[in-house]
């Protein structure tokens, strides 16, 4: 389970689960702190509940039944996207 840290709770937009039961929370992407266009990736999904040497979140576009998560960057600086099928999507 990956939940946002306490100082991000006021920014949360919603949560969802994967088919394996792992839960995630997400917040809006901050355009002033983003190297990707906010139009394409309007969310940040928290992927680590206790991040160490890592941001703890990934750029994403969360929809009703699917989330497109930026998992890496290729040799040309373009995002590498992973598509997650999600369930129990709820907004706050």
N, C-alpha and C. Protein backbone atom coordinates (compact mmCIF):
# COMPACT_ATOMS: atom_id res chain seq x y z
N UNK A 1 0.84 -1.17 0.00
CA UNK A 1 0.00 0.00 0.00
C UNK A 1 0.88 1.23 0.00
N UNK A 2 0.49 2.19 -0.80
CA UNK A 2 1.27 3.42 -0.94
C UNK A 2 0.37 4.61 -0.68
N UNK A 3 0.60 5.25 0.42
CA UNK A 3 -0.22 6.39 0.79
C UNK A 3 0.63 7.66 0.82
N UNK A 4 -0.02 8.78 0.61
CA UNK A 4 0.65 10.07 0.63
C UNK A 4 1.13 10.38 2.05
N UNK A 5 2.22 11.13 2.16
CA UNK A 5 2.66 11.54 3.50
C UNK A 5 1.67 12.54 4.10
N UNK A 6 1.74 12.72 5.38
CA UNK A 6 0.76 13.56 6.09
C UNK A 6 0.72 14.98 5.55
N UNK A 7 1.86 15.53 5.10
CA UNK A 7 1.86 16.91 4.62
C UNK A 7 1.23 17.07 3.24
N UNK A 8 0.89 15.97 2.58
CA UNK A 8 0.24 16.03 1.26
C UNK A 8 -1.25 15.71 1.34
N UNK A 9 -1.75 15.38 2.50
CA UNK A 9 -3.14 14.94 2.63
C UNK A 9 -4.14 15.98 2.15
N UNK A 10 -3.85 17.25 2.36
CA UNK A 10 -4.80 18.29 1.96
C UNK A 10 -4.89 18.46 0.45
N UNK A 11 -3.91 17.93 -0.31
CA UNK A 11 -3.90 18.06 -1.76
C UNK A 11 -4.49 16.85 -2.48
N UNK A 12 -4.81 15.79 -1.77
CA UNK A 12 -5.25 14.56 -2.41
C UNK A 12 -6.54 14.75 -3.20
N UNK A 13 -6.57 14.12 -4.38
CA UNK A 13 -7.77 14.13 -5.22
C UNK A 13 -8.56 12.83 -5.12
N UNK A 14 -7.86 11.72 -4.83
CA UNK A 14 -8.56 10.45 -4.77
C UNK A 14 -7.62 9.29 -4.50
N UNK A 15 -8.18 8.09 -4.66
CA UNK A 15 -7.42 6.86 -4.45
C UNK A 15 -7.95 5.77 -5.36
N UNK A 16 -7.17 4.70 -5.51
CA UNK A 16 -7.59 3.56 -6.31
C UNK A 16 -6.81 2.34 -5.88
N UNK A 17 -7.23 1.18 -6.37
CA UNK A 17 -6.53 -0.08 -6.10
C UNK A 17 -6.20 -0.76 -7.42
N UNK A 18 -5.17 -1.58 -7.39
CA UNK A 18 -4.86 -2.47 -8.50
C UNK A 18 -5.56 -3.80 -8.26
N UNK A 19 -5.55 -4.67 -9.25
CA UNK A 19 -6.22 -5.96 -9.10
C UNK A 19 -5.60 -6.82 -8.01
N UNK A 20 -4.32 -6.57 -7.68
CA UNK A 20 -3.66 -7.34 -6.61
C UNK A 20 -3.96 -6.80 -5.22
N UNK A 21 -4.76 -5.71 -5.14
CA UNK A 21 -5.15 -5.16 -3.86
C UNK A 21 -4.29 -4.01 -3.37
N UNK A 22 -3.19 -3.70 -4.06
CA UNK A 22 -2.36 -2.57 -3.65
C UNK A 22 -3.12 -1.26 -3.86
N UNK A 23 -3.10 -0.42 -2.84
CA UNK A 23 -3.83 0.84 -2.88
C UNK A 23 -2.87 2.01 -3.11
N UNK A 24 -3.36 3.03 -3.81
CA UNK A 24 -2.57 4.21 -4.12
C UNK A 24 -3.43 5.46 -3.95
N UNK A 25 -2.79 6.56 -3.60
CA UNK A 25 -3.47 7.86 -3.53
C UNK A 25 -2.81 8.78 -4.53
N UNK A 26 -3.57 9.79 -4.98
CA UNK A 26 -2.99 10.71 -5.96
C UNK A 26 -3.44 12.14 -5.70
N UNK A 27 -2.63 13.07 -6.20
CA UNK A 27 -2.86 14.50 -6.02
C UNK A 27 -2.65 15.19 -7.37
N UNK A 28 -2.99 16.46 -7.47
CA UNK A 28 -2.75 17.17 -8.73
C UNK A 28 -1.25 17.40 -8.95
N UNK A 29 -0.85 17.41 -10.21
CA UNK A 29 0.53 17.72 -10.56
C UNK A 29 0.74 19.22 -10.42
N UNK A 30 1.88 19.61 -9.92
CA UNK A 30 2.22 21.02 -9.75
C UNK A 30 2.95 21.51 -11.00
N UNK A 31 2.33 22.41 -11.80
CA UNK A 31 2.96 22.85 -13.04
C UNK A 31 4.30 23.57 -12.83
N UNK A 32 4.53 24.14 -11.68
CA UNK A 32 5.80 24.84 -11.43
C UNK A 32 6.92 23.87 -11.08
N UNK A 33 6.58 22.63 -10.78
CA UNK A 33 7.57 21.64 -10.36
C UNK A 33 7.54 20.41 -11.27
N UNK A 34 7.14 20.59 -12.53
CA UNK A 34 6.96 19.46 -13.42
C UNK A 34 7.81 19.60 -14.67
N UNK A 35 8.52 18.55 -15.05
CA UNK A 35 9.26 18.57 -16.30
C UNK A 35 8.41 18.01 -17.43
N UNK A 36 7.22 17.50 -17.10
CA UNK A 36 6.29 17.01 -18.11
C UNK A 36 5.09 17.94 -18.20
N UNK A 37 4.47 18.03 -19.36
CA UNK A 37 3.28 18.90 -19.48
C UNK A 37 2.15 18.43 -18.57
N UNK A 38 1.63 19.34 -17.78
CA UNK A 38 0.55 19.01 -16.85
C UNK A 38 -0.69 18.56 -17.61
N UNK A 39 -0.85 19.04 -18.83
CA UNK A 39 -2.01 18.64 -19.65
C UNK A 39 -1.98 17.13 -19.88
N UNK A 40 -0.80 16.56 -20.14
CA UNK A 40 -0.68 15.12 -20.39
C UNK A 40 -0.64 14.30 -19.11
N UNK A 41 -0.09 14.86 -18.05
CA UNK A 41 0.07 14.14 -16.78
C UNK A 41 -0.39 15.04 -15.64
N UNK A 42 -1.70 15.14 -15.46
CA UNK A 42 -2.24 16.07 -14.47
C UNK A 42 -2.16 15.60 -13.03
N UNK A 43 -1.65 14.38 -12.79
CA UNK A 43 -1.64 13.84 -11.44
C UNK A 43 -0.25 13.37 -11.02
N UNK A 44 -0.11 13.21 -9.71
CA UNK A 44 1.05 12.55 -9.10
C UNK A 44 0.50 11.42 -8.25
N UNK A 45 0.92 10.20 -8.54
CA UNK A 45 0.49 9.03 -7.78
C UNK A 45 1.59 8.69 -6.78
N UNK A 46 1.20 8.58 -5.52
CA UNK A 46 2.15 8.21 -4.47
C UNK A 46 2.42 6.72 -4.57
N UNK A 47 3.69 6.34 -4.71
CA UNK A 47 4.05 4.93 -4.89
C UNK A 47 4.91 4.38 -3.76
N UNK A 48 5.23 5.20 -2.79
CA UNK A 48 6.02 4.75 -1.64
C UNK A 48 5.51 5.45 -0.40
N UNK A 49 5.24 4.70 0.65
CA UNK A 49 4.73 5.32 1.87
C UNK A 49 5.86 5.89 2.72
N UNK A 50 7.07 5.39 2.55
CA UNK A 50 8.24 5.93 3.27
C UNK A 50 9.40 6.08 2.28
N UNK A 51 9.35 7.10 1.42
CA UNK A 51 10.40 7.22 0.40
C UNK A 51 11.76 7.58 0.99
N UNK A 52 12.77 6.87 0.54
CA UNK A 52 14.15 7.15 0.93
C UNK A 52 14.95 7.24 -0.37
N UNK A 53 15.65 8.36 -0.56
CA UNK A 53 16.41 8.59 -1.79
C UNK A 53 15.55 8.48 -3.04
N UNK A 54 14.31 8.83 -2.93
CA UNK A 54 13.38 8.73 -4.04
C UNK A 54 12.27 9.75 -3.80
N UNK A 55 11.61 10.16 -4.86
CA UNK A 55 10.56 11.16 -4.70
C UNK A 55 9.33 10.59 -4.00
N UNK A 56 9.05 9.31 -4.19
CA UNK A 56 7.89 8.71 -3.57
C UNK A 56 6.64 8.81 -4.40
N UNK A 57 6.68 9.53 -5.52
CA UNK A 57 5.52 9.65 -6.39
C UNK A 57 5.96 9.57 -7.85
N UNK A 58 4.98 9.33 -8.72
CA UNK A 58 5.22 9.26 -10.16
C UNK A 58 4.20 10.15 -10.88
N UNK A 59 4.62 10.77 -11.98
CA UNK A 59 3.68 11.50 -12.83
C UNK A 59 2.67 10.51 -13.39
N UNK A 60 1.42 10.97 -13.55
CA UNK A 60 0.39 10.04 -14.02
C UNK A 60 -0.80 10.79 -14.61
N UNK A 61 -1.63 10.02 -15.28
CA UNK A 61 -2.94 10.48 -15.71
C UNK A 61 -3.92 9.41 -15.26
N UNK A 62 -4.65 9.70 -14.19
CA UNK A 62 -5.58 8.74 -13.60
C UNK A 62 -6.96 8.97 -14.21
N UNK A 63 -7.51 7.90 -14.78
CA UNK A 63 -8.86 7.96 -15.34
C UNK A 63 -9.76 7.05 -14.51
N UNK A 64 -10.95 6.78 -14.99
CA UNK A 64 -11.92 6.01 -14.21
C UNK A 64 -11.48 4.56 -13.97
N UNK A 65 -10.98 3.89 -15.00
CA UNK A 65 -10.62 2.47 -14.88
C UNK A 65 -9.18 2.17 -15.24
N UNK A 66 -8.42 3.19 -15.58
CA UNK A 66 -7.02 2.99 -15.97
C UNK A 66 -6.18 4.19 -15.51
N UNK A 67 -4.92 3.92 -15.21
CA UNK A 67 -3.98 4.99 -14.87
C UNK A 67 -2.75 4.81 -15.75
N UNK A 68 -2.31 5.89 -16.37
CA UNK A 68 -1.09 5.89 -17.17
C UNK A 68 0.00 6.48 -16.28
N UNK A 69 0.98 5.66 -15.91
CA UNK A 69 2.02 6.04 -14.95
C UNK A 69 3.35 6.19 -15.67
N UNK A 70 4.04 7.30 -15.43
CA UNK A 70 5.38 7.49 -15.97
C UNK A 70 6.35 6.75 -15.05
N UNK A 71 6.97 5.71 -15.57
CA UNK A 71 7.85 4.88 -14.74
C UNK A 71 9.32 5.14 -14.98
N UNK A 72 9.65 5.79 -16.09
CA UNK A 72 11.05 6.03 -16.41
C UNK A 72 11.15 7.07 -17.51
N UNK A 73 12.37 7.29 -17.97
CA UNK A 73 12.65 8.22 -19.05
C UNK A 73 13.56 7.50 -20.03
N UNK A 74 13.27 7.60 -21.34
CA UNK A 74 14.10 6.90 -22.32
C UNK A 74 15.37 7.71 -22.63
N UNK A 75 16.17 7.23 -23.57
CA UNK A 75 17.43 7.87 -23.91
C UNK A 75 17.26 9.27 -24.50
N UNK A 76 16.06 9.58 -24.98
CA UNK A 76 15.78 10.87 -25.59
C UNK A 76 15.02 11.82 -24.66
N UNK A 77 14.87 11.42 -23.41
CA UNK A 77 14.19 12.26 -22.43
C UNK A 77 12.68 12.17 -22.48
N UNK A 78 12.16 11.21 -23.23
CA UNK A 78 10.72 11.02 -23.32
C UNK A 78 10.24 10.07 -22.22
N UNK A 79 9.03 10.29 -21.71
CA UNK A 79 8.54 9.43 -20.63
C UNK A 79 8.24 8.01 -21.11
N UNK A 80 8.54 7.04 -20.26
CA UNK A 80 8.16 5.65 -20.49
C UNK A 80 6.91 5.42 -19.66
N UNK A 81 5.84 5.02 -20.32
CA UNK A 81 4.52 4.91 -19.68
C UNK A 81 4.16 3.45 -19.42
N UNK A 82 3.57 3.21 -18.27
CA UNK A 82 3.01 1.91 -17.94
C UNK A 82 1.53 2.10 -17.69
N UNK A 83 0.72 1.23 -18.25
CA UNK A 83 -0.74 1.32 -18.11
C UNK A 83 -1.19 0.37 -17.01
N UNK A 84 -1.86 0.93 -15.98
CA UNK A 84 -2.37 0.13 -14.88
C UNK A 84 -3.89 0.07 -14.96
N UNK A 85 -4.46 -1.11 -14.94
CA UNK A 85 -5.91 -1.26 -14.80
C UNK A 85 -6.23 -1.08 -13.33
N UNK A 86 -7.20 -0.21 -13.05
CA UNK A 86 -7.49 0.11 -11.65
C UNK A 86 -8.93 -0.22 -11.31
N UNK A 87 -9.20 -0.36 -10.03
CA UNK A 87 -10.55 -0.60 -9.53
C UNK A 87 -10.74 0.20 -8.25
N UNK A 88 -11.92 0.26 -7.77
CA UNK A 88 -12.26 1.00 -6.54
C UNK A 88 -11.75 2.43 -6.59
N UNK A 89 -11.86 3.04 -7.74
CA UNK A 89 -11.42 4.44 -7.90
C UNK A 89 -12.43 5.33 -7.21
N UNK A 90 -11.95 6.17 -6.32
CA UNK A 90 -12.84 7.11 -5.67
C UNK A 90 -12.15 8.46 -5.57
N UNK A 91 -12.94 9.48 -5.67
CA UNK A 91 -12.41 10.84 -5.58
C UNK A 91 -12.84 11.43 -4.25
N UNK A 92 -12.04 12.36 -3.77
CA UNK A 92 -12.31 12.99 -2.47
C UNK A 92 -12.97 14.33 -2.67
